[in-house]
Amino acid sequence: MQQVIEIIERCAENTCVSRPFKVRAEDGHLYFIKGCGSGWTRRELCCELLAARLAEAYGLPIAPFGMLDVPQSILEYCAVHGIEALRAGPAFGSLYVDSFSLPPVAVKAVPEELRWKLLLFDWWIQNEDRILGEKGGNVNLLWSSDGDQLTVIDHNNAFDKDFDEAAFFENHVFRAERERIPSPFLLEQSQALAKIAARFSELTDDFPDEWTERQESSGDFVPESAIEVLSRSVKLFSVFGGQHHD
């Protein structure tokens, strides 16, 4: 686990809800990190890392990520505003990508199959945090007009116990794709997601103890609940296959 060597700033209010810190790591690259402290719950950190690994396994273009160590020594003399929200220890790091939030006008420029996969993936992990309408929204997708590249980020709200499927299909950035996904594609993706879900232990066995300790707190990560969510892959065809397909 590489260390953070410089804390540069915290994302400003109204730019993103989670407000991660922008840092520099030992490899010289810039990352956005979410770590232990008052800014994020243990559950959110576990959901972030698990969802990132699931997205990677599913072949989505997620920003390169990993766990970074925040040394106590770097916090003691840090003057960055809001630093009290971060504690020493392991943090989730997402590589800084020089791009901007996906605008409504670029939605159709995203490759069709990628739109389908993102809609299926977010439904699978119960992630309602991908909203975009004509007036904007919290889309958590970065877009580079230079080469039309999409980068997927931010899954700390995945595995939402209060997931509202109706609201999901009303607000998701790629909601219009639900009626366009062909049946053969749905069957193929259902099988792919089930295979990934079967790797749950492999994908979670190195989670930091600082994130997974249980104190009978409602904010803790419960692996059994996440496994239950991922078992939804068997319902994929019934949820999406009831629509009109060629």
Foldseek 3Di string as FASTA:
>chain_A
DWAFDFFDEWDDPPPDDLGFTWTATPVRFIWTKDADFQSAALLLQLQQQLLVVLCVLLPAQAADKDKYFYDQVNLVPDPHPPSNRHDTGIIIIGTDDPFADDALVCLVVPDLVNLVVVLLSCQLQLNLQQFQDNVGHRRQWTFDPVVGDIYHHDRSCTLPPPRDVVSSLVGHSSNVCLQEDAPVNLVVVLVSLVVSLVCLCVSRVPSDCVSADDPVDPRHHDSVSSSVSSVCSVCRCVVRVVHDYD
